[in-house]
């Protein structure tokens, strides 16, 4: 039976997320948490490959989104700007000046997937501002789920062991900016068959690990 490239890509990501969730959740293999940056990079490459139109505006958004995402994280780690006082753990290495090289890619993945999801599933009459706002709100809600899992897995830790409310306002602001730029550049057009699956796999991963190791 012939398997299409799209189905093969979805299958590979499913295996990666499922094995990662089970192995990390039940602590089957020591050090699996440290493979998370590689996991994010693979996810990014798959999304990039299936993006329908890789024109100049697409590459421009990738560069801008990476710079913004990495830049605000650097300011957060070094000065507590926007998010609050926190630092990254060993499982997010490699880092430069305390900032993971992959963190900008994480912002790209989330902004890309959530914005396309809202654009495709929301009312057709929504303008760019509304789509960016709704997607930013969903991204921030997703961070509420991410935080306890990320702390448990030593992705990052907060001063005083409490997630400040500024983290969520900061997440919303950065998310909105990235989402709006994505829409203004017309990158929501066309189909990427993997973007929704990436959201579902990430939701599964964090819900599973939360249920097994955190709750």
N, C-alpha and C. Protein backbone atom coordinates (compact mmCIF):
# COMPACT_ATOMS: atom_id res chain seq x y z
N UNK A 1 0.84 -1.20 0.00
CA UNK A 1 0.00 0.00 0.00
C UNK A 1 0.87 1.24 0.00
N UNK A 2 0.61 2.14 -0.93
CA UNK A 2 1.40 3.35 -1.06
C UNK A 2 0.94 4.39 -0.04
N UNK A 3 1.90 4.96 0.68
CA UNK A 3 1.60 5.98 1.70
C UNK A 3 2.04 7.34 1.18
N UNK A 4 1.14 8.32 1.23
CA UNK A 4 1.48 9.66 0.74
C UNK A 4 2.48 10.33 1.67
N UNK A 5 3.18 11.33 1.12
CA UNK A 5 4.15 12.06 1.92
C UNK A 5 3.50 12.74 3.12
N UNK A 6 2.29 13.25 2.93
CA UNK A 6 1.59 13.92 4.02
C UNK A 6 1.31 12.94 5.15
N UNK A 7 0.77 11.76 4.81
CA UNK A 7 0.45 10.77 5.84
C UNK A 7 1.72 10.26 6.53
N UNK A 8 2.78 10.13 5.77
CA UNK A 8 4.05 9.69 6.36
C UNK A 8 4.57 10.74 7.34
N UNK A 9 4.46 12.02 6.97
CA UNK A 9 4.90 13.08 7.86
C UNK A 9 4.10 13.10 9.14
N UNK A 10 2.79 12.95 9.03
CA UNK A 10 1.93 12.90 10.22
C UNK A 10 2.27 11.71 11.09
N UNK A 11 2.51 10.57 10.46
CA UNK A 11 2.86 9.36 11.21
C UNK A 11 4.17 9.52 11.97
N UNK A 12 5.16 10.10 11.32
CA UNK A 12 6.46 10.31 11.98
C UNK A 12 6.31 11.22 13.19
N UNK A 13 5.58 12.32 13.02
CA UNK A 13 5.37 13.24 14.14
C UNK A 13 4.57 12.56 15.25
N UNK A 14 3.57 11.78 14.88
CA UNK A 14 2.79 11.06 15.90
C UNK A 14 3.69 10.15 16.73
N UNK A 15 4.56 9.40 16.05
CA UNK A 15 5.46 8.48 16.76
C UNK A 15 6.38 9.28 17.70
N UNK A 16 6.93 10.37 17.20
CA UNK A 16 7.84 11.18 18.02
C UNK A 16 7.14 11.72 19.26
N UNK A 17 5.95 12.28 19.09
CA UNK A 17 5.24 12.85 20.23
C UNK A 17 4.72 11.78 21.17
N UNK A 18 4.22 10.68 20.62
CA UNK A 18 3.69 9.62 21.47
C UNK A 18 4.80 8.97 22.30
N UNK A 19 5.88 8.60 21.63
CA UNK A 19 7.00 7.98 22.34
C UNK A 19 7.58 8.95 23.36
N UNK A 20 7.72 10.22 22.96
CA UNK A 20 8.25 11.21 23.89
C UNK A 20 7.37 11.38 25.11
N UNK A 21 6.05 11.47 24.90
CA UNK A 21 5.13 11.66 26.02
C UNK A 21 5.18 10.47 26.98
N UNK A 22 5.15 9.26 26.45
CA UNK A 22 5.15 8.06 27.29
C UNK A 22 6.49 7.91 28.02
N UNK A 23 7.58 8.06 27.27
CA UNK A 23 8.91 7.89 27.87
C UNK A 23 9.19 8.94 28.94
N UNK A 24 8.82 10.19 28.67
CA UNK A 24 9.04 11.25 29.64
C UNK A 24 8.05 11.15 30.79
N UNK A 25 6.78 10.87 30.46
CA UNK A 25 5.76 10.79 31.50
C UNK A 25 6.06 9.71 32.52
N UNK A 26 6.47 8.54 32.05
CA UNK A 26 6.74 7.42 32.95
C UNK A 26 8.22 7.25 33.28
N UNK A 27 9.03 8.23 32.86
CA UNK A 27 10.48 8.20 33.16
C UNK A 27 11.12 6.89 32.70
N UNK A 28 10.77 6.46 31.49
CA UNK A 28 11.29 5.18 30.99
C UNK A 28 12.76 5.28 30.62
N UNK A 29 13.13 6.38 29.95
CA UNK A 29 14.53 6.58 29.56
C UNK A 29 15.05 7.86 30.20
N UNK A 30 16.15 7.76 30.89
CA UNK A 30 16.75 8.93 31.52
C UNK A 30 17.30 9.88 30.46
N UNK A 31 17.02 11.16 30.63
CA UNK A 31 17.57 12.17 29.72
C UNK A 31 16.72 12.46 28.50
N UNK A 32 15.55 11.84 28.38
CA UNK A 32 14.69 12.09 27.23
C UNK A 32 14.24 13.55 27.15
N UNK A 33 14.10 14.20 28.31
CA UNK A 33 13.69 15.60 28.35
C UNK A 33 14.67 16.49 27.58
N UNK A 34 15.95 16.11 27.62
CA UNK A 34 16.97 16.90 26.95
C UNK A 34 16.90 16.86 25.43
N UNK A 35 16.09 15.95 24.89
CA UNK A 35 15.92 15.87 23.43
C UNK A 35 14.82 16.81 22.93
N UNK A 36 14.18 17.53 23.83
CA UNK A 36 13.07 18.41 23.45
C UNK A 36 13.46 19.47 22.41
N UNK A 37 14.63 20.13 22.55
CA UNK A 37 15.01 21.09 21.51
C UNK A 37 15.12 20.46 20.12
N UNK A 38 15.67 19.24 20.05
CA UNK A 38 15.76 18.53 18.77
C UNK A 38 14.35 18.22 18.26
N UNK A 39 13.48 17.85 19.15
CA UNK A 39 12.09 17.55 18.80
C UNK A 39 11.41 18.77 18.18
N UNK A 40 11.62 19.93 18.79
CA UNK A 40 11.05 21.18 18.25
C UNK A 40 11.62 21.49 16.87
N UNK A 41 12.90 21.26 16.69
CA UNK A 41 13.54 21.52 15.41
C UNK A 41 12.96 20.62 14.32
N UNK A 42 12.74 19.35 14.63
CA UNK A 42 12.16 18.43 13.66
C UNK A 42 10.74 18.86 13.29
N UNK A 43 9.96 19.27 14.30
CA UNK A 43 8.60 19.75 14.05
C UNK A 43 8.63 20.96 13.13
N UNK A 44 9.55 21.87 13.38
CA UNK A 44 9.68 23.08 12.57
C UNK A 44 10.01 22.73 11.12
N UNK A 45 10.91 21.80 10.92
CA UNK A 45 11.31 21.40 9.57
C UNK A 45 10.12 20.80 8.81
N UNK A 46 9.32 19.99 9.50
CA UNK A 46 8.14 19.40 8.86
C UNK A 46 7.14 20.47 8.47
N UNK A 47 6.89 21.44 9.35
CA UNK A 47 5.97 22.53 9.03
C UNK A 47 6.50 23.34 7.85
N UNK A 48 7.79 23.61 7.87
CA UNK A 48 8.42 24.39 6.81
C UNK A 48 8.28 23.68 5.46
N UNK A 49 8.51 22.39 5.46
CA UNK A 49 8.46 21.62 4.22
C UNK A 49 7.08 21.67 3.57
N UNK A 50 6.03 21.60 4.39
CA UNK A 50 4.68 21.55 3.85
C UNK A 50 4.00 22.91 3.77
N UNK A 51 4.73 23.99 4.06
CA UNK A 51 4.13 25.30 3.86
C UNK A 51 3.90 25.50 2.36
N UNK A 52 2.70 25.97 1.95
CA UNK A 52 2.33 25.96 0.52
C UNK A 52 3.10 26.90 -0.38
N UNK A 53 3.53 28.07 0.14
CA UNK A 53 4.17 29.04 -0.74
C UNK A 53 5.33 29.71 -0.02
N UNK A 54 6.52 29.23 -0.31
CA UNK A 54 7.71 29.74 0.39
C UNK A 54 8.29 30.93 -0.37
N UNK A 55 7.60 32.05 -0.30
CA UNK A 55 8.06 33.25 -0.99
C UNK A 55 8.88 34.13 -0.05
N UNK A 56 9.26 35.30 -0.55
CA UNK A 56 10.09 36.20 0.25
C UNK A 56 9.41 36.61 1.53
N UNK A 57 8.10 36.86 1.49
CA UNK A 57 7.38 37.29 2.68
C UNK A 57 7.37 36.21 3.76
N UNK A 58 7.33 34.96 3.33
CA UNK A 58 7.37 33.86 4.29
C UNK A 58 8.71 33.82 5.02
N UNK A 59 9.81 33.89 4.24
CA UNK A 59 11.13 33.87 4.86
C UNK A 59 11.35 35.11 5.72
N UNK A 60 10.80 36.24 5.30
CA UNK A 60 10.91 37.47 6.08
C UNK A 60 10.24 37.30 7.43
N UNK A 61 9.03 36.72 7.42
CA UNK A 61 8.33 36.51 8.70
C UNK A 61 9.09 35.56 9.60
N UNK A 62 9.67 34.50 9.04
CA UNK A 62 10.44 33.56 9.84
C UNK A 62 11.60 34.26 10.54
N UNK A 63 12.30 35.11 9.81
CA UNK A 63 13.44 35.82 10.39
C UNK A 63 12.97 36.79 11.47
N UNK A 64 11.93 37.57 11.17
CA UNK A 64 11.43 38.55 12.14
C UNK A 64 10.88 37.84 13.38
N UNK A 65 10.11 36.76 13.17
CA UNK A 65 9.53 36.04 14.29
C UNK A 65 10.61 35.42 15.17
N UNK A 66 11.66 34.89 14.54
CA UNK A 66 12.75 34.30 15.32
C UNK A 66 13.48 35.36 16.13
N UNK A 67 13.74 36.50 15.52
CA UNK A 67 14.44 37.58 16.22
C UNK A 67 13.59 38.10 17.39
N UNK A 68 12.30 38.32 17.13
CA UNK A 68 11.43 38.81 18.20
C UNK A 68 11.31 37.78 19.31
N UNK A 69 11.03 36.52 18.95
CA UNK A 69 10.87 35.48 19.95
C UNK A 69 12.11 35.27 20.79
N UNK A 70 13.27 35.22 20.14
CA UNK A 70 14.52 35.04 20.86
C UNK A 70 14.88 36.29 21.64
N UNK A 71 14.63 37.46 21.04
CA UNK A 71 14.97 38.72 21.69
C UNK A 71 14.21 38.96 22.98
N UNK A 72 12.91 38.71 22.98
CA UNK A 72 12.13 38.94 24.20
C UNK A 72 12.52 37.92 25.27
N UNK A 73 12.87 36.71 24.86
CA UNK A 73 13.31 35.72 25.84
C UNK A 73 14.66 36.12 26.46
N UNK A 74 15.54 36.66 25.64
CA UNK A 74 16.82 37.15 26.17
C UNK A 74 16.59 38.27 27.19
N UNK A 75 15.72 39.21 26.84
CA UNK A 75 15.41 40.31 27.75
C UNK A 75 14.74 39.79 29.01
N UNK A 76 13.93 38.75 28.88
CA UNK A 76 13.29 38.18 30.05
C UNK A 76 14.27 37.50 30.98
N UNK A 77 15.16 36.70 30.40
CA UNK A 77 16.14 35.98 31.21
C UNK A 77 17.13 36.94 31.87
N UNK A 78 17.58 37.92 31.13
CA UNK A 78 18.62 38.82 31.63
C UNK A 78 18.08 39.93 32.53
N UNK A 79 16.88 40.43 32.22
CA UNK A 79 16.38 41.61 32.92
C UNK A 79 14.96 41.45 33.48
N UNK A 80 14.34 40.31 33.28
CA UNK A 80 12.98 40.13 33.78
C UNK A 80 11.95 40.92 33.00
N UNK A 81 12.34 41.39 31.81
CA UNK A 81 11.46 42.24 31.00
C UNK A 81 10.28 41.45 30.45
N UNK A 82 9.11 42.02 30.55
CA UNK A 82 7.87 41.55 29.95
C UNK A 82 7.27 40.33 30.66
N UNK A 83 8.04 39.26 30.83
CA UNK A 83 7.49 38.03 31.39
C UNK A 83 7.62 37.94 32.91
N UNK A 84 8.75 38.38 33.43
CA UNK A 84 9.06 38.19 34.85
C UNK A 84 10.44 37.59 35.00
N UNK A 85 10.79 37.22 36.22
CA UNK A 85 12.14 36.71 36.50
C UNK A 85 12.16 35.19 36.40
N UNK A 86 12.92 34.67 35.43
CA UNK A 86 13.01 33.23 35.22
C UNK A 86 14.35 32.88 34.60
N UNK A 87 14.64 31.59 34.54
CA UNK A 87 15.83 31.13 33.85
C UNK A 87 15.57 29.75 33.26
N UNK A 88 16.29 29.46 32.19
CA UNK A 88 16.12 28.19 31.50
C UNK A 88 16.97 27.10 32.13
N UNK A 89 16.47 25.87 32.07
CA UNK A 89 17.18 24.74 32.63
C UNK A 89 18.04 24.03 31.60
N UNK A 90 18.72 22.98 32.05
CA UNK A 90 19.67 22.26 31.19
C UNK A 90 18.99 21.53 30.04
N UNK A 91 17.71 21.24 30.16
CA UNK A 91 17.02 20.49 29.11
C UNK A 91 16.62 21.35 27.92
N UNK A 92 16.94 22.65 27.97
CA UNK A 92 16.68 23.52 26.82
C UNK A 92 17.97 23.96 26.14
N UNK A 93 19.07 23.33 26.47
CA UNK A 93 20.34 23.66 25.82
C UNK A 93 20.36 23.15 24.38
N UNK A 94 21.17 23.77 23.50
CA UNK A 94 22.18 24.80 23.78
C UNK A 94 21.57 26.20 23.96
N UNK A 95 22.27 26.99 24.77
CA UNK A 95 21.83 28.35 25.03
C UNK A 95 22.96 29.33 24.74
N UNK A 96 22.59 30.57 24.48
CA UNK A 96 23.54 31.67 24.34
C UNK A 96 23.06 32.78 25.26
N UNK A 97 23.90 33.18 26.19
CA UNK A 97 23.55 34.19 27.18
C UNK A 97 22.27 33.81 27.93
N UNK A 98 22.16 32.52 28.23
CA UNK A 98 21.03 32.02 28.99
C UNK A 98 19.76 31.81 28.19
N UNK A 99 19.81 32.05 26.88
CA UNK A 99 18.63 31.97 26.03
C UNK A 99 18.76 30.79 25.06
N UNK A 100 17.82 29.84 25.08
CA UNK A 100 17.91 28.69 24.18
C UNK A 100 17.85 29.11 22.71
N UNK A 101 18.68 28.51 21.90
CA UNK A 101 18.68 28.81 20.46
C UNK A 101 17.37 28.38 19.81
N UNK A 102 16.71 27.39 20.40
CA UNK A 102 15.49 26.85 19.80
C UNK A 102 14.24 27.61 20.23
N UNK A 103 14.34 28.53 21.19
CA UNK A 103 13.14 29.16 21.73
C UNK A 103 12.43 30.03 20.69
N UNK A 104 13.19 30.66 19.81
CA UNK A 104 12.57 31.43 18.74
C UNK A 104 11.79 30.53 17.79
N UNK A 105 12.28 29.32 17.58
CA UNK A 105 11.58 28.35 16.74
C UNK A 105 10.28 27.93 17.40
N UNK A 106 10.29 27.81 18.72
CA UNK A 106 9.06 27.46 19.44
C UNK A 106 7.99 28.53 19.24
N UNK A 107 8.38 29.80 19.30
CA UNK A 107 7.44 30.88 19.04
C UNK A 107 6.88 30.79 17.61
N UNK A 108 7.75 30.49 16.66
CA UNK A 108 7.32 30.35 15.26
C UNK A 108 6.29 29.24 15.12
N UNK A 109 6.57 28.08 15.69
CA UNK A 109 5.67 26.93 15.57
C UNK A 109 4.28 27.27 16.14
N UNK A 110 4.25 27.84 17.33
CA UNK A 110 2.97 28.13 17.97
C UNK A 110 2.20 29.21 17.23
N UNK A 111 2.87 30.28 16.85
CA UNK A 111 2.20 31.36 16.13
C UNK A 111 1.67 30.86 14.79
N UNK A 112 2.48 30.13 14.08
CA UNK A 112 2.10 29.57 12.77
C UNK A 112 0.86 28.70 12.90
N UNK A 113 0.89 27.75 13.82
CA UNK A 113 -0.18 26.77 13.92
C UNK A 113 -1.47 27.36 14.47
N UNK A 114 -1.37 28.17 15.51
CA UNK A 114 -2.58 28.74 16.11
C UNK A 114 -3.23 29.76 15.18
N UNK A 115 -2.44 30.57 14.50
CA UNK A 115 -3.01 31.57 13.60
C UNK A 115 -3.71 30.91 12.42
N UNK A 116 -3.09 29.91 11.84
CA UNK A 116 -3.72 29.20 10.73
C UNK A 116 -4.98 28.47 11.20
N UNK A 117 -4.95 27.92 12.40
CA UNK A 117 -6.11 27.22 12.93
C UNK A 117 -7.30 28.18 13.09
N UNK A 118 -7.05 29.35 13.68
CA UNK A 118 -8.13 30.31 13.89
C UNK A 118 -8.64 30.84 12.55
N UNK A 119 -7.73 31.12 11.62
CA UNK A 119 -8.15 31.61 10.31
C UNK A 119 -9.03 30.58 9.58
N UNK A 120 -8.66 29.32 9.65
CA UNK A 120 -9.39 28.29 8.91
C UNK A 120 -10.68 27.88 9.60
N UNK A 121 -10.73 27.93 10.93
CA UNK A 121 -11.89 27.44 11.65
C UNK A 121 -12.83 28.54 12.11
N UNK A 122 -12.36 29.79 12.16
CA UNK A 122 -13.19 30.90 12.61
C UNK A 122 -14.09 31.42 11.50
N UNK A 123 -15.03 32.33 11.84
CA UNK A 123 -15.91 32.94 10.83
C UNK A 123 -15.10 33.64 9.73
N UNK A 124 -15.58 33.53 8.51
CA UNK A 124 -14.87 34.10 7.38
C UNK A 124 -14.79 35.61 7.41
N UNK A 125 -15.67 36.25 8.16
CA UNK A 125 -15.69 37.70 8.20
C UNK A 125 -14.70 38.33 9.17
N UNK A 126 -13.99 37.51 9.92
CA UNK A 126 -13.03 38.05 10.88
C UNK A 126 -11.87 38.72 10.15
N UNK A 127 -11.51 39.94 10.58
CA UNK A 127 -10.36 40.61 9.99
C UNK A 127 -9.07 40.18 10.69
N UNK A 128 -7.95 40.73 10.23
CA UNK A 128 -6.65 40.32 10.76
C UNK A 128 -6.54 40.58 12.26
N UNK A 129 -7.07 41.71 12.73
CA UNK A 129 -6.97 42.06 14.14
C UNK A 129 -7.67 41.02 15.01
N UNK A 130 -8.86 40.61 14.60
CA UNK A 130 -9.64 39.67 15.39
C UNK A 130 -8.99 38.29 15.39
N UNK A 131 -8.54 37.85 14.22
CA UNK A 131 -7.88 36.54 14.13
C UNK A 131 -6.61 36.52 14.99
N UNK A 132 -5.81 37.58 14.90
CA UNK A 132 -4.58 37.66 15.69
C UNK A 132 -4.89 37.67 17.18
N UNK A 133 -5.96 38.38 17.56
CA UNK A 133 -6.35 38.47 18.97
C UNK A 133 -6.81 37.11 19.49
N UNK A 134 -7.68 36.44 18.75
CA UNK A 134 -8.18 35.13 19.19
C UNK A 134 -7.04 34.11 19.26
N UNK A 135 -6.18 34.10 18.25
CA UNK A 135 -5.05 33.17 18.24
C UNK A 135 -4.10 33.45 19.40
N UNK A 136 -3.86 34.72 19.72
CA UNK A 136 -3.00 35.08 20.84
C UNK A 136 -3.61 34.61 22.15
N UNK A 137 -4.92 34.72 22.27
CA UNK A 137 -5.60 34.28 23.48
C UNK A 137 -5.49 32.76 23.65
N UNK A 138 -5.65 32.03 22.55
CA UNK A 138 -5.50 30.57 22.60
C UNK A 138 -4.06 30.18 22.93
N UNK A 139 -3.10 30.90 22.37
CA UNK A 139 -1.69 30.62 22.67
C UNK A 139 -1.39 30.84 24.14
N UNK A 140 -1.97 31.89 24.71
CA UNK A 140 -1.75 32.18 26.13
C UNK A 140 -2.41 31.11 27.00
N UNK A 141 -3.60 30.67 26.61
CA UNK A 141 -4.26 29.58 27.33
C UNK A 141 -3.42 28.30 27.26
N UNK A 142 -2.80 28.08 26.12
CA UNK A 142 -1.92 26.92 25.95
C UNK A 142 -0.72 27.02 26.89
N UNK A 143 -0.23 28.23 27.09
CA UNK A 143 0.90 28.41 28.00
C UNK A 143 0.52 28.08 29.44
N UNK A 144 -0.73 28.30 29.80
CA UNK A 144 -1.19 27.91 31.14
C UNK A 144 -0.99 26.41 31.35
N UNK A 145 -1.24 25.62 30.30
CA UNK A 145 -1.00 24.19 30.36
C UNK A 145 0.48 23.86 30.34
N UNK A 146 1.24 24.60 29.54
CA UNK A 146 2.67 24.32 29.38
C UNK A 146 3.44 24.55 30.68
N UNK A 147 3.15 25.63 31.39
CA UNK A 147 3.99 26.07 32.51
C UNK A 147 4.29 24.99 33.53
N UNK A 148 3.29 24.32 34.13
CA UNK A 148 3.64 23.33 35.16
C UNK A 148 4.44 22.15 34.61
N UNK A 149 4.19 21.79 33.36
CA UNK A 149 4.94 20.69 32.75
C UNK A 149 6.38 21.12 32.49
N UNK A 150 6.55 22.33 31.95
CA UNK A 150 7.90 22.83 31.65
C UNK A 150 8.74 22.94 32.91
N UNK A 151 8.14 23.37 34.00
CA UNK A 151 8.86 23.47 35.28
C UNK A 151 9.26 22.09 35.78
N UNK A 152 8.33 21.14 35.68
CA UNK A 152 8.60 19.76 36.11
C UNK A 152 9.73 19.14 35.30
N UNK A 153 9.80 19.46 34.02
CA UNK A 153 10.81 18.85 33.14
C UNK A 153 12.10 19.65 33.06
N UNK A 154 12.24 20.67 33.90
CA UNK A 154 13.43 21.52 33.93
C UNK A 154 13.69 22.19 32.60
N UNK A 155 12.61 22.67 31.97
CA UNK A 155 12.77 23.52 30.80
C UNK A 155 13.09 24.94 31.26
N UNK A 156 12.37 25.39 32.29
CA UNK A 156 12.67 26.68 32.90
C UNK A 156 12.11 26.71 34.31
N UNK A 157 12.57 27.65 35.11
CA UNK A 157 12.09 27.83 36.48
C UNK A 157 11.86 29.32 36.74
N UNK A 158 10.95 29.61 37.66
CA UNK A 158 10.59 30.98 37.99
C UNK A 158 11.11 31.36 39.37
N UNK A 159 11.48 32.61 39.52
CA UNK A 159 11.90 33.11 40.82
C UNK A 159 10.72 32.99 41.79
N UNK A 160 11.00 32.44 42.96
CA UNK A 160 9.94 32.26 43.94
C UNK A 160 9.05 31.07 43.66
N UNK A 161 9.39 30.29 42.62
CA UNK A 161 8.64 29.08 42.26
C UNK A 161 7.16 29.36 41.96
N UNK A 162 6.88 30.56 41.50
CA UNK A 162 5.52 30.91 41.12
C UNK A 162 5.53 31.59 39.75
N UNK A 163 4.57 31.23 38.92
CA UNK A 163 4.47 31.86 37.60
C UNK A 163 3.74 33.20 37.77
N UNK A 164 4.39 34.32 37.48
CA UNK A 164 3.74 35.63 37.67
C UNK A 164 2.70 35.90 36.58
N UNK A 165 1.74 36.75 36.90
CA UNK A 165 0.71 37.09 35.91
C UNK A 165 1.31 37.82 34.73
N UNK A 166 2.47 38.49 34.94
CA UNK A 166 3.12 39.18 33.83
C UNK A 166 3.57 38.23 32.74
N UNK A 167 3.81 36.96 33.09
CA UNK A 167 4.18 35.98 32.07
C UNK A 167 3.08 35.84 31.03
N UNK A 168 1.85 35.79 31.49
CA UNK A 168 0.73 35.58 30.58
C UNK A 168 0.39 36.83 29.77
N UNK A 169 0.52 37.99 30.39
CA UNK A 169 0.31 39.21 29.60
C UNK A 169 1.41 39.36 28.56
N UNK A 170 2.64 39.02 28.96
CA UNK A 170 3.75 39.07 28.01
C UNK A 170 3.57 38.10 26.87
N UNK A 171 3.12 36.88 27.19
CA UNK A 171 2.85 35.88 26.16
C UNK A 171 1.81 36.39 25.17
N UNK A 172 0.75 37.02 25.70
CA UNK A 172 -0.31 37.50 24.83
C UNK A 172 0.19 38.59 23.89
N UNK A 173 0.97 39.51 24.43
CA UNK A 173 1.49 40.62 23.61
C UNK A 173 2.38 40.11 22.49
N UNK A 174 3.35 39.26 22.83
CA UNK A 174 4.27 38.74 21.81
C UNK A 174 3.51 37.90 20.79
N UNK A 175 2.59 37.07 21.27
CA UNK A 175 1.78 36.24 20.37
C UNK A 175 1.00 37.10 19.40
N UNK A 176 0.36 38.14 19.90
CA UNK A 176 -0.45 39.00 19.04
C UNK A 176 0.40 39.65 17.95
N UNK A 177 1.57 40.15 18.31
CA UNK A 177 2.46 40.79 17.34
C UNK A 177 2.86 39.81 16.24
N UNK A 178 3.30 38.61 16.63
CA UNK A 178 3.72 37.61 15.64
C UNK A 178 2.55 37.18 14.76
N UNK A 179 1.39 36.98 15.38
CA UNK A 179 0.22 36.53 14.63
C UNK A 179 -0.24 37.60 13.62
N UNK A 180 -0.24 38.85 14.06
CA UNK A 180 -0.69 39.92 13.17
C UNK A 180 0.25 40.07 11.98
N UNK A 181 1.55 40.01 12.22
CA UNK A 181 2.51 40.08 11.12
C UNK A 181 2.31 38.93 10.14
N UNK A 182 2.05 37.75 10.68
CA UNK A 182 1.80 36.57 9.86
C UNK A 182 0.63 36.81 8.91
N UNK A 183 -0.44 37.39 9.45
CA UNK A 183 -1.64 37.65 8.66
C UNK A 183 -1.43 38.78 7.66
N UNK A 184 -0.79 39.85 8.09
CA UNK A 184 -0.55 40.99 7.20
C UNK A 184 0.30 40.62 6.00
N UNK A 185 1.18 39.65 6.18
CA UNK A 185 2.02 39.20 5.08
C UNK A 185 1.33 38.15 4.21
N UNK A 186 0.08 37.83 4.55
CA UNK A 186 -0.70 36.90 3.73
C UNK A 186 -0.27 35.46 3.82
N UNK A 187 0.32 35.05 4.95
CA UNK A 187 0.86 33.70 5.06
C UNK A 187 -0.17 32.69 5.52
N UNK A 188 -1.40 33.16 5.75
CA UNK A 188 -2.47 32.26 6.17
C UNK A 188 -3.16 31.62 4.97
N UNK A 189 -2.76 31.97 3.77
CA UNK A 189 -3.39 31.43 2.57
C UNK A 189 -2.85 30.04 2.26
N UNK A 190 -3.67 29.24 1.57
CA UNK A 190 -3.24 27.89 1.22
C UNK A 190 -3.35 26.94 2.40
N UNK A 191 -3.00 25.70 2.17
CA UNK A 191 -3.14 24.67 3.19
C UNK A 191 -1.78 24.10 3.59
N UNK A 192 -1.66 23.88 4.89
CA UNK A 192 -0.53 23.10 5.40
C UNK A 192 -1.14 21.93 6.16
N UNK A 193 -1.09 20.73 5.60
CA UNK A 193 -1.79 19.59 6.21
C UNK A 193 -1.26 19.18 7.57
N UNK A 194 -0.08 19.68 7.96
CA UNK A 194 0.49 19.25 9.22
C UNK A 194 0.23 20.22 10.38
N UNK A 195 -0.19 21.45 10.10
CA UNK A 195 -0.26 22.46 11.16
C UNK A 195 -1.26 22.08 12.26
N UNK A 196 -2.44 21.59 11.87
CA UNK A 196 -3.42 21.19 12.88
C UNK A 196 -2.94 19.97 13.66
N UNK A 197 -2.31 19.04 12.96
CA UNK A 197 -1.79 17.84 13.63
C UNK A 197 -0.72 18.20 14.66
N UNK A 198 0.11 19.18 14.34
CA UNK A 198 1.14 19.61 15.30
C UNK A 198 0.48 20.13 16.57
N UNK A 199 -0.58 20.93 16.43
CA UNK A 199 -1.30 21.42 17.60
C UNK A 199 -1.86 20.26 18.42
N UNK A 200 -2.48 19.32 17.75
CA UNK A 200 -3.07 18.18 18.46
C UNK A 200 -2.01 17.34 19.16
N UNK A 201 -0.89 17.13 18.50
CA UNK A 201 0.19 16.33 19.11
C UNK A 201 0.79 17.05 20.31
N UNK A 202 0.95 18.37 20.21
CA UNK A 202 1.49 19.11 21.33
C UNK A 202 0.52 19.12 22.50
N UNK A 203 -0.77 19.28 22.21
CA UNK A 203 -1.77 19.21 23.27
C UNK A 203 -1.72 17.85 23.96
N UNK A 204 -1.65 16.80 23.17
CA UNK A 204 -1.57 15.45 23.73
C UNK A 204 -0.35 15.33 24.63
N UNK A 205 0.80 15.77 24.16
CA UNK A 205 2.04 15.64 24.92
C UNK A 205 1.92 16.31 26.29
N UNK A 206 1.50 17.57 26.30
CA UNK A 206 1.48 18.31 27.56
C UNK A 206 0.37 17.82 28.49
N UNK A 207 -0.78 17.45 27.94
CA UNK A 207 -1.85 16.91 28.79
C UNK A 207 -1.44 15.57 29.39
N UNK A 208 -0.82 14.73 28.59
CA UNK A 208 -0.39 13.42 29.07
C UNK A 208 0.66 13.54 30.16
N UNK A 209 1.68 14.33 29.91
CA UNK A 209 2.76 14.49 30.90
C UNK A 209 2.23 15.16 32.17
N UNK A 210 1.34 16.13 31.99
CA UNK A 210 0.74 16.79 33.17
C UNK A 210 -0.02 15.76 34.02
N UNK A 211 -0.82 14.92 33.35
CA UNK A 211 -1.62 13.94 34.09
C UNK A 211 -0.76 12.91 34.80
N UNK A 212 0.36 12.53 34.18
CA UNK A 212 1.19 11.45 34.73
C UNK A 212 2.20 11.96 35.77
N UNK A 213 2.81 13.12 35.51
CA UNK A 213 3.91 13.57 36.37
C UNK A 213 3.61 14.78 37.25
N UNK A 214 2.59 15.55 36.91
CA UNK A 214 2.36 16.81 37.62
C UNK A 214 1.13 16.75 38.52
N UNK A 215 0.03 16.28 37.95
CA UNK A 215 -1.25 16.31 38.69
C UNK A 215 -1.20 15.43 39.94
